[in-house]
């Protein structure tokens, strides 16, 4: 899907709506532009706050999937008090 666009004053380029929709680019999103032998490559980029980057690591995501499987399979217990929790833990010994 090729589109012809014009570079305007200040080096700005408007991405046609058809291309934005196809690439999943919304207003305010960031894009990364790389120069290759073939020309420019533009990629949609998600910016992640440094304080939240750990969440997107492979290890953390694996642990999230494991936790969700435990929830989905009913391996999670809820307790009304700390005493109930301790009693349940003691009963497993």
PDB file of N, CA and C in Angstrom:
ATOM      1  N   UNK A   1       0.857  -1.162   0.000  1.00  0.00           N
ATOM      2  CA  UNK A   1       0.000   0.000   0.000  1.00  0.00           C
ATOM      3  C   UNK A   1       0.908   1.231   0.000  1.00  0.00           C
ATOM      4  N   UNK A   2       1.106   1.815  -1.145  1.00  0.00           N
ATOM      5  CA  UNK A   2       1.959   2.995  -1.281  1.00  0.00           C
ATOM      6  C   UNK A   2       1.106   4.249  -1.358  1.00  0.00           C
ATOM      7  N   UNK A   3       1.608   5.315  -0.772  1.00  0.00           N
ATOM      8  CA  UNK A   3       0.940   6.613  -0.819  1.00  0.00           C
ATOM      9  C   UNK A   3       2.006   7.667  -1.085  1.00  0.00           C
ATOM     10  N   UNK A   4       1.682   8.652  -1.881  1.00  0.00           N
ATOM     11  CA  UNK A   4       2.589   9.761  -2.149  1.00  0.00           C
ATOM     12  C   UNK A   4       2.252  10.891  -1.188  1.00  0.00           C
ATOM     13  N   UNK A   5       3.259  11.372  -0.459  1.00  0.00           N
ATOM     14  CA  UNK A   5       3.058  12.489   0.459  1.00  0.00           C
ATOM     15  C   UNK A   5       4.119  13.543   0.171  1.00  0.00           C
ATOM     16  N   UNK A   6       3.848  14.769   0.600  1.00  0.00           N
ATOM     17  CA  UNK A   6       4.746  15.891   0.340  1.00  0.00           C
ATOM     18  C   UNK A   6       5.396  16.342   1.641  1.00  0.00           C
ATOM     19  N   UNK A   7       6.685  16.623   1.580  1.00  0.00           N
ATOM     20  CA  UNK A   7       7.397  17.183   2.723  1.00  0.00           C
ATOM     21  C   UNK A   7       7.131  18.685   2.710  1.00  0.00           C
ATOM     22  N   UNK A   8       6.610  19.200   3.831  1.00  0.00           N
ATOM     23  CA  UNK A   8       6.271  20.620   3.913  1.00  0.00           C
ATOM     24  C   UNK A   8       7.335  21.378   4.704  1.00  0.00           C
ATOM     25  N   UNK A   9       7.089  22.658   4.888  1.00  0.00           N
ATOM     26  CA  UNK A   9       8.020  23.512   5.619  1.00  0.00           C
ATOM     27  C   UNK A   9       8.365  22.876   6.964  1.00  0.00           C
ATOM     28  N   UNK A  10       9.604  22.951   7.331  1.00  0.00           N
ATOM     29  CA  UNK A  10      10.039  22.375   8.596  1.00  0.00           C
ATOM     30  C   UNK A  10      10.253  20.868   8.513  1.00  0.00           C
ATOM     31  N   UNK A  11      10.180  20.292   7.314  1.00  0.00           N
ATOM     32  CA  UNK A  11      10.413  18.861   7.153  1.00  0.00           C
ATOM     33  C   UNK A  11       9.256  17.989   7.590  1.00  0.00           C
ATOM     34  N   UNK A  12       8.064  18.570   7.703  1.00  0.00           N
ATOM     35  CA  UNK A  12       6.914  17.794   8.171  1.00  0.00           C
ATOM     36  C   UNK A  12       6.275  16.995   7.043  1.00  0.00           C
ATOM     37  N   UNK A  13       5.803  15.804   7.415  1.00  0.00           N
ATOM     38  CA  UNK A  13       5.092  14.925   6.495  1.00  0.00           C
ATOM     39  C   UNK A  13       3.791  14.526   7.170  1.00  0.00           C
ATOM     40  N   UNK A  14       2.691  14.611   6.457  1.00  0.00           N
ATOM     41  CA  UNK A  14       1.403  14.159   6.986  1.00  0.00           C
ATOM     42  C   UNK A  14       1.173  12.729   6.518  1.00  0.00           C
ATOM     43  N   UNK A  15       0.930  11.838   7.482  1.00  0.00           N
ATOM     44  CA  UNK A  15       0.644  10.448   7.137  1.00  0.00           C
ATOM     45  C   UNK A  15      -0.837  10.318   6.801  1.00  0.00           C
ATOM     46  N   UNK A  16      -1.165   9.825   5.617  1.00  0.00           N
ATOM     47  CA  UNK A  16      -2.568   9.659   5.255  1.00  0.00           C
ATOM     48  C   UNK A  16      -3.294   8.724   6.234  1.00  0.00           C
ATOM     49  N   UNK A  17      -4.569   9.004   6.447  1.00  0.00           N
ATOM     50  CA  UNK A  17      -5.378   8.241   7.403  1.00  0.00           C
ATOM     51  C   UNK A  17      -5.344   6.744   7.105  1.00  0.00           C
ATOM     52  N   UNK A  18      -5.382   6.376   5.839  1.00  0.00           N
ATOM     53  CA  UNK A  18      -5.361   4.962   5.459  1.00  0.00           C
ATOM     54  C   UNK A  18      -4.093   4.273   5.982  1.00  0.00           C
ATOM     55  N   UNK A  19      -2.955   4.942   5.856  1.00  0.00           N
ATOM     56  CA  UNK A  19      -1.696   4.370   6.347  1.00  0.00           C
ATOM     57  C   UNK A  19      -1.656   4.352   7.867  1.00  0.00           C
ATOM     58  N   UNK A  20      -2.144   5.425   8.503  1.00  0.00           N
ATOM     59  CA  UNK A  20      -2.163   5.463   9.975  1.00  0.00           C
ATOM     60  C   UNK A  20      -3.002   4.325  10.529  1.00  0.00           C
ATOM     61  N   UNK A  21      -4.166   4.119   9.945  1.00  0.00           N
ATOM     62  CA  UNK A  21      -5.031   3.027  10.417  1.00  0.00           C
ATOM     63  C   UNK A  21      -4.359   1.672  10.202  1.00  0.00           C
ATOM     64  N   UNK A  22      -3.768   1.477   9.036  1.00  0.00           N
ATOM     65  CA  UNK A  22      -3.122   0.195   8.724  1.00  0.00           C
ATOM     66  C   UNK A  22      -1.962  -0.095   9.673  1.00  0.00           C
ATOM     67  N   UNK A  23      -1.256   0.959  10.104  1.00  0.00           N
ATOM     68  CA  UNK A  23      -0.100   0.786  10.991  1.00  0.00           C
ATOM     69  C   UNK A  23      -0.470   0.899  12.460  1.00  0.00           C
ATOM     70  N   UNK A  24      -1.735   1.227  12.755  1.00  0.00           N
ATOM     71  CA  UNK A  24      -2.160   1.375  14.146  1.00  0.00           C
ATOM     72  C   UNK A  24      -1.567   2.601  14.814  1.00  0.00           C
ATOM     73  N   UNK A  25      -1.366   3.659  14.050  1.00  0.00           N
ATOM     74  CA  UNK A  25      -0.787   4.895  14.582  1.00  0.00           C
ATOM     75  C   UNK A  25      -1.911   5.881  14.876  1.00  0.00           C
ATOM     76  N   UNK A  26      -1.947   6.376  16.119  1.00  0.00           N
ATOM     77  CA  UNK A  26      -2.954   7.343  16.541  1.00  0.00           C
ATOM     78  C   UNK A  26      -2.298   8.681  16.849  1.00  0.00           C
ATOM     79  N   UNK A  27      -3.119   9.714  16.982  1.00  0.00           N
ATOM     80  CA  UNK A  27      -2.626  11.041  17.340  1.00  0.00           C
ATOM     81  C   UNK A  27      -1.838  10.953  18.643  1.00  0.00           C
ATOM     82  N   UNK A  28      -0.660  11.535  18.667  1.00  0.00           N
ATOM     83  CA  UNK A  28       0.171  11.539  19.864  1.00  0.00           C
ATOM     84  C   UNK A  28       1.135  10.369  19.957  1.00  0.00           C
ATOM     85  N   UNK A  29       0.982   9.371  19.081  1.00  0.00           N
ATOM     86  CA  UNK A  29       1.901   8.232  19.090  1.00  0.00           C
ATOM     87  C   UNK A  29       3.276   8.656  18.586  1.00  0.00           C
ATOM     88  N   UNK A  30       4.275   7.884  18.958  1.00  0.00           N
ATOM     89  CA  UNK A  30       5.630   8.101  18.466  1.00  0.00           C
ATOM     90  C   UNK A  30       5.911   7.129  17.335  1.00  0.00           C
ATOM     91  N   UNK A  31       6.743   7.574  16.395  1.00  0.00           N
ATOM     92  CA  UNK A  31       7.220   6.706  15.326  1.00  0.00           C
ATOM     93  C   UNK A  31       8.739   6.793  15.288  1.00  0.00           C
ATOM     94  N   UNK A  32       9.356   5.704  14.885  1.00  0.00           N
ATOM     95  CA  UNK A  32      10.808   5.654  14.735  1.00  0.00           C
ATOM     96  C   UNK A  32      11.101   5.637  13.245  1.00  0.00           C
ATOM     97  N   UNK A  33      12.048   6.460  12.812  1.00  0.00           N
ATOM     98  CA  UNK A  33      12.414   6.513  11.403  1.00  0.00           C
ATOM     99  C   UNK A  33      13.865   6.075  11.270  1.00  0.00           C
ATOM    100  N   UNK A  34      14.100   5.119  10.389  1.00  0.00           N
ATOM    101  CA  UNK A  34      15.450   4.621  10.126  1.00  0.00           C
ATOM    102  C   UNK A  34      15.785   4.859   8.661  1.00  0.00           C
ATOM    103  N   UNK A  35      17.060   5.115   8.403  1.00  0.00           N
ATOM    104  CA  UNK A  35      17.534   5.267   7.030  1.00  0.00           C
ATOM    105  C   UNK A  35      18.219   3.964   6.631  1.00  0.00           C
ATOM    106  N   UNK A  36      17.782   3.397   5.507  1.00  0.00           N
ATOM    107  CA  UNK A  36      18.392   2.177   4.980  1.00  0.00           C
ATOM    108  C   UNK A  36      18.845   2.442   3.552  1.00  0.00           C
ATOM    109  N   UNK A  37      19.469   1.450   2.934  1.00  0.00           N
ATOM    110  CA  UNK A  37      19.875   1.597   1.534  1.00  0.00           C
ATOM    111  C   UNK A  37      18.670   1.801   0.624  1.00  0.00           C
ATOM    112  N   UNK A  38      17.524   1.236   1.016  1.00  0.00           N
ATOM    113  CA  UNK A  38      16.315   1.359   0.195  1.00  0.00           C
ATOM    114  C   UNK A  38      15.582   2.676   0.412  1.00  0.00           C
ATOM    115  N   UNK A  39      15.884   3.372   1.499  1.00  0.00           N
ATOM    116  CA  UNK A  39      15.201   4.628   1.805  1.00  0.00           C
ATOM    117  C   UNK A  39      14.871   4.704   3.284  1.00  0.00           C
ATOM    118  N   UNK A  40      13.753   5.335   3.598  1.00  0.00           N
ATOM    119  CA  UNK A  40      13.332   5.505   4.985  1.00  0.00           C
ATOM    120  C   UNK A  40      12.372   4.392   5.396  1.00  0.00           C
ATOM    121  N   UNK A  41      12.505   3.961   6.636  1.00  0.00           N
ATOM    122  CA  UNK A  41      11.553   3.010   7.222  1.00  0.00           C
ATOM    123  C   UNK A  41      10.948   3.691   8.441  1.00  0.00           C
ATOM    124  N   UNK A  42       9.637   3.714   8.510  1.00  0.00           N
ATOM    125  CA  UNK A  42       8.917   4.344   9.613  1.00  0.00           C
ATOM    126  C   UNK A  42       8.180   3.252  10.377  1.00  0.00           C
ATOM    127  N   UNK A  43       8.405   3.184  11.703  1.00  0.00           N
ATOM    128  CA  UNK A  43       7.765   2.160  12.532  1.00  0.00           C
ATOM    129  C   UNK A  43       7.044   2.813  13.702  1.00  0.00           C
ATOM    130  N   UNK A  44       5.860   2.309  14.013  1.00  0.00           N
ATOM    131  CA  UNK A  44       5.151   2.758  15.216  1.00  0.00           C
ATOM    132  C   UNK A  44       5.958   2.306  16.425  1.00  0.00           C
ATOM    133  N   UNK A  45       6.079   3.165  17.438  1.00  0.00           N
ATOM    134  CA  UNK A  45       6.865   2.857  18.631  1.00  0.00           C
ATOM    135  C   UNK A  45       6.040   3.141  19.859  1.00  0.00           C
ATOM    136  N   UNK A  46       6.062   2.227  20.819  1.00  0.00           N
ATOM    137  CA  UNK A  46       5.402   2.463  22.096  1.00  0.00           C
ATOM    138  C   UNK A  46       6.456   2.891  23.095  1.00  0.00           C
ATOM    139  N   UNK A  47       6.214   3.989  23.748  1.00  0.00           N
ATOM    140  CA  UNK A  47       7.147   4.497  24.744  1.00  0.00           C
ATOM    141  C   UNK A  47       6.718   3.967  26.106  1.00  0.00           C
ATOM    142  N   UNK A  48       7.660   3.393  26.838  1.00  0.00           N
ATOM    143  CA  UNK A  48       7.382   2.826  28.155  1.00  0.00           C
ATOM    144  C   UNK A  48       8.166   3.609  29.186  1.00  0.00           C
ATOM    145  N   UNK A  49       7.473   4.095  30.212  1.00  0.00           N
ATOM    146  CA  UNK A  49       8.123   4.803  31.300  1.00  0.00           C
ATOM    147  C   UNK A  49       9.161   3.886  31.937  1.00  0.00           C
ATOM    148  N   UNK A  50      10.348   4.425  32.230  1.00  0.00           N
ATOM    149  CA  UNK A  50      11.424   3.608  32.802  1.00  0.00           C
ATOM    150  C   UNK A  50      10.987   2.886  34.070  1.00  0.00           C
ATOM    151  N   UNK A  51      10.139   3.531  34.866  1.00  0.00           N
ATOM    152  CA  UNK A  51       9.713   2.905  36.120  1.00  0.00           C
ATOM    153  C   UNK A  51       8.789   1.711  35.879  1.00  0.00           C
ATOM    154  N   UNK A  52       8.273   1.564  34.657  1.00  0.00           N
ATOM    155  CA  UNK A  52       7.378   0.456  34.326  1.00  0.00           C
ATOM    156  C   UNK A  52       8.025  -0.565  33.391  1.00  0.00           C
ATOM    157  N   UNK A  53       9.272  -0.337  32.994  1.00  0.00           N
ATOM    158  CA  UNK A  53       9.929  -1.198  32.003  1.00  0.00           C
ATOM    159  C   UNK A  53      10.047  -2.645  32.482  1.00  0.00           C
ATOM    160  N   UNK A  54      10.235  -2.854  33.793  1.00  0.00           N
ATOM    161  CA  UNK A  54      10.374  -4.216  34.324  1.00  0.00           C
ATOM    162  C   UNK A  54       9.181  -5.086  33.947  1.00  0.00           C
ATOM    163  N   UNK A  55       7.990  -4.471  33.905  1.00  0.00           N
ATOM    164  CA  UNK A  55       6.760  -5.217  33.649  1.00  0.00           C
ATOM    165  C   UNK A  55       6.794  -5.895  32.284  1.00  0.00           C
ATOM    166  N   UNK A  56       7.513  -5.314  31.334  1.00  0.00           N
ATOM    167  CA  UNK A  56       7.521  -5.816  29.964  1.00  0.00           C
ATOM    168  C   UNK A  56       8.689  -6.749  29.677  1.00  0.00           C
ATOM    169  N   UNK A  57       9.487  -7.096  30.704  1.00  0.00           N
ATOM    170  CA  UNK A  57      10.569  -8.054  30.489  1.00  0.00           C
ATOM    171  C   UNK A  57       9.987  -9.449  30.290  1.00  0.00           C
ATOM    172  N   UNK A  58      10.743 -10.307  29.606  1.00  0.00           N
ATOM    173  CA  UNK A  58      10.257 -11.666  29.321  1.00  0.00           C
ATOM    174  C   UNK A  58       9.957 -12.429  30.610  1.00  0.00           C
ATOM    175  N   UNK A  59      10.828 -12.304  31.599  1.00  0.00           N
ATOM    176  CA  UNK A  59      10.621 -13.013  32.864  1.00  0.00           C
ATOM    177  C   UNK A  59       9.365 -12.577  33.585  1.00  0.00           C
ATOM    178  N   UNK A  60       9.136 -11.260  33.625  1.00  0.00           N
ATOM    179  CA  UNK A  60       7.948 -10.751  34.318  1.00  0.00           C
ATOM    180  C   UNK A  60       6.682 -11.184  33.584  1.00  0.00           C
ATOM    181  N   UNK A  61       6.697 -11.121  32.264  1.00  0.00           N
ATOM    182  CA  UNK A  61       5.524 -11.517  31.491  1.00  0.00           C
ATOM    183  C   UNK A  61       5.230 -13.009  31.668  1.00  0.00           C
ATOM    184  N   UNK A  62       6.271 -13.843  31.780  1.00  0.00           N
ATOM    185  CA  UNK A  62       6.062 -15.277  32.036  1.00  0.00           C
ATOM    186  C   UNK A  62       5.404 -15.477  33.397  1.00  0.00           C
ATOM    187  N   UNK A  63       5.856 -14.723  34.398  1.00  0.00           N
ATOM    188  CA  UNK A  63       5.266 -14.826  35.738  1.00  0.00           C
ATOM    189  C   UNK A  63       3.816 -14.348  35.731  1.00  0.00           C
ATOM    190  N   UNK A  64       3.515 -13.305  34.958  1.00  0.00           N
ATOM    191  CA  UNK A  64       2.130 -12.817  34.838  1.00  0.00           C
ATOM    192  C   UNK A  64       1.235 -13.894  34.224  1.00  0.00           C
ATOM    193  N   UNK A  65       1.737 -14.571  33.180  1.00  0.00           N
ATOM    194  CA  UNK A  65       0.945 -15.644  32.550  1.00  0.00           C
ATOM    195  C   UNK A  65       0.707 -16.790  33.529  1.00  0.00           C
ATOM    196  N   UNK A  66       1.731 -17.136  34.309  1.00  0.00           N
ATOM    197  CA  UNK A  66       1.589 -18.203  35.306  1.00  0.00           C
ATOM    198  C   UNK A  66       0.571 -17.819  36.377  1.00  0.00           C
ATOM    199  N   UNK A  67       0.637 -16.581  36.841  1.00  0.00           N
ATOM    200  CA  UNK A  67      -0.313 -16.115  37.858  1.00  0.00           C
ATOM    201  C   UNK A  67      -1.735 -16.123  37.306  1.00  0.00           C
ATOM    202  N   UNK A  68      -1.901 -15.686  36.059  1.00  0.00           N
ATOM    203  CA  UNK A  68      -3.234 -15.670  35.462  1.00  0.00           C
ATOM    204  C   UNK A  68      -3.766 -17.087  35.298  1.00  0.00           C
ATOM    205  N   UNK A  69      -2.905 -18.039  34.957  1.00  0.00           N
ATOM    206  CA  UNK A  69      -3.326 -19.444  34.847  1.00  0.00           C
ATOM    207  C   UNK A  69      -3.787 -19.966  36.202  1.00  0.00           C
ATOM    208  N   UNK A  70      -3.078 -19.592  37.275  1.00  0.00           N
ATOM    209  CA  UNK A  70      -3.500 -19.998  38.624  1.00  0.00           C
ATOM    210  C   UNK A  70      -4.887 -19.447  38.947  1.00  0.00           C
ATOM    211  N   UNK A  71      -5.126 -18.203  38.591  1.00  0.00           N
ATOM    212  CA  UNK A  71      -6.440 -17.585  38.831  1.00  0.00           C
ATOM    213  C   UNK A  71      -7.507 -18.302  38.013  1.00  0.00           C
ATOM    214  N   UNK A  72      -7.226 -18.485  36.712  1.00  0.00           N
ATOM    215  CA  UNK A  72      -8.199 -19.123  35.817  1.00  0.00           C
ATOM    216  C   UNK A  72      -8.535 -20.547  36.246  1.00  0.00           C
ATOM    217  N   UNK A  73      -7.563 -21.259  36.805  1.00  0.00           N
ATOM    218  CA  UNK A  73      -7.759 -22.659  37.203  1.00  0.00           C
ATOM    219  C   UNK A  73      -8.229 -22.815  38.648  1.00  0.00           C
ATOM    220  N   UNK A  74      -8.522 -21.703  39.317  1.00  0.00           N
ATOM    221  CA  UNK A  74      -9.070 -21.764  40.671  1.00  0.00           C
ATOM    222  C   UNK A  74      -8.076 -22.136  41.750  1.00  0.00           C
ATOM    223  N   UNK A  75      -6.797 -21.890  41.512  1.00  0.00           N
ATOM    224  CA  UNK A  75      -5.783 -22.224  42.517  1.00  0.00           C
ATOM    225  C   UNK A  75      -5.493 -21.047  43.454  1.00  0.00           C
ATOM    226  N   UNK A  76      -6.395 -20.109  43.523  1.00  0.00           N
ATOM    227  CA  UNK A  76      -6.236 -18.926  44.370  1.00  0.00           C
ATOM    228  C   UNK A  76      -7.316 -18.955  45.447  1.00  0.00           C
ATOM    229  N   UNK A  77      -6.932 -18.691  46.686  1.00  0.00           N
ATOM    230  CA  UNK A  77      -7.890 -18.628  47.792  1.00  0.00           C
ATOM    231  C   UNK A  77      -7.984 -17.195  48.295  1.00  0.00           C
ATOM    232  N   UNK A  78      -9.185 -16.814  48.693  1.00  0.00           N
ATOM    233  CA  UNK A  78      -9.387 -15.517  49.337  1.00  0.00           C
ATOM    234  C   UNK A  78      -9.651 -15.729  50.820  1.00  0.00           C
ATOM    235  N   UNK A  79      -9.241 -14.774  51.630  1.00  0.00           N
ATOM    236  CA  UNK A  79      -9.404 -14.906  53.083  1.00  0.00           C
ATOM    237  C   UNK A  79     -10.005 -13.627  53.648  1.00  0.00           C
ATOM    238  N   UNK A  80     -10.863 -13.794  54.658  1.00  0.00           N
ATOM    239  CA  UNK A  80     -11.502 -12.647  55.302  1.00  0.00           C
ATOM    240  C   UNK A  80     -10.612 -12.002  56.348  1.00  0.00           C
ATOM    241  N   UNK A  81      -9.621 -12.737  56.823  1.00  0.00           N
ATOM    242  CA  UNK A  81      -8.743 -12.182  57.857  1.00  0.00           C
ATOM    243  C   UNK A  81      -7.378 -12.852  57.770  1.00  0.00           C
ATOM    244  N   UNK A  82      -6.413 -12.248  58.418  1.00  0.00           N
ATOM    245  CA  UNK A  82      -5.078 -12.831  58.474  1.00  0.00           C
ATOM    246  C   UNK A  82      -5.091 -14.152  59.236  1.00  0.00           C
ATOM    247  N   UNK A  83      -5.968 -14.241  60.217  1.00  0.00           N
ATOM    248  CA  UNK A  83      -6.082 -15.484  60.979  1.00  0.00           C
ATOM    249  C   UNK A  83      -6.533 -16.633  60.082  1.00  0.00           C
ATOM    250  N   UNK A  84      -7.511 -16.353  59.196  1.00  0.00           N
ATOM    251  CA  UNK A  84      -7.976 -17.382  58.262  1.00  0.00           C
ATOM    252  C   UNK A  84      -6.844 -17.819  57.326  1.00  0.00           C
ATOM    253  N   UNK A  85      -6.043 -16.869  56.884  1.00  0.00           N
ATOM    254  CA  UNK A  85      -4.904 -17.185  56.028  1.00  0.00           C
ATOM    255  C   UNK A  85      -3.912 -18.090  56.759  1.00  0.00           C
ATOM    256  N   UNK A  86      -3.575 -17.722  57.975  1.00  0.00           N
ATOM    257  CA  UNK A  86      -2.619 -18.511  58.762  1.00  0.00           C
ATOM    258  C   UNK A  86      -3.161 -19.910  59.028  1.00  0.00           C
ATOM    259  N   UNK A  87      -4.450 -20.008  59.333  1.00  0.00           N
ATOM    260  CA  UNK A  87      -5.061 -21.321  59.570  1.00  0.00           C
ATOM    261  C   UNK A  87      -4.973 -22.183  58.312  1.00  0.00           C
ATOM    262  N   UNK A  88      -5.201 -21.585  57.153  1.00  0.00           N
ATOM    263  CA  UNK A  88      -5.112 -22.331  55.900  1.00  0.00           C
ATOM    264  C   UNK A  88      -3.679 -22.791  55.645  1.00  0.00           C
ATOM    265  N   UNK A  89      -2.719 -21.924  55.893  1.00  0.00           N
ATOM    266  CA  UNK A  89      -1.312 -22.301  55.721  1.00  0.00           C
ATOM    267  C   UNK A  89      -0.922 -23.423  56.675  1.00  0.00           C
ATOM    268  N   UNK A  90      -1.366 -23.333  57.922  1.00  0.00           N
ATOM    269  CA  UNK A  90      -1.060 -24.371  58.912  1.00  0.00           C
ATOM    270  C   UNK A  90      -1.683 -25.708  58.529  1.00  0.00           C
ATOM    271  N   UNK A  91      -2.859 -25.670  57.896  1.00  0.00           N
ATOM    272  CA  UNK A  91      -3.545 -26.915  57.536  1.00  0.00           C
ATOM    273  C   UNK A  91      -2.846 -27.631  56.380  1.00  0.00           C
ATOM    274  N   UNK A  92      -1.981 -26.955  55.671  1.00  0.00           N
ATOM    275  CA  UNK A  92      -1.280 -27.558  54.531  1.00  0.00           C
ATOM    276  C   UNK A  92      -0.021 -28.297  54.952  1.00  0.00           C
ATOM    277  N   UNK A  93       0.384 -28.163  56.209  1.00  0.00           N
ATOM    278  CA  UNK A  93       1.608 -28.839  56.685  1.00  0.00           C
ATOM    279  C   UNK A  93       1.403 -30.310  56.858  1.00  0.00           C
TER     280      UNK A  93
END
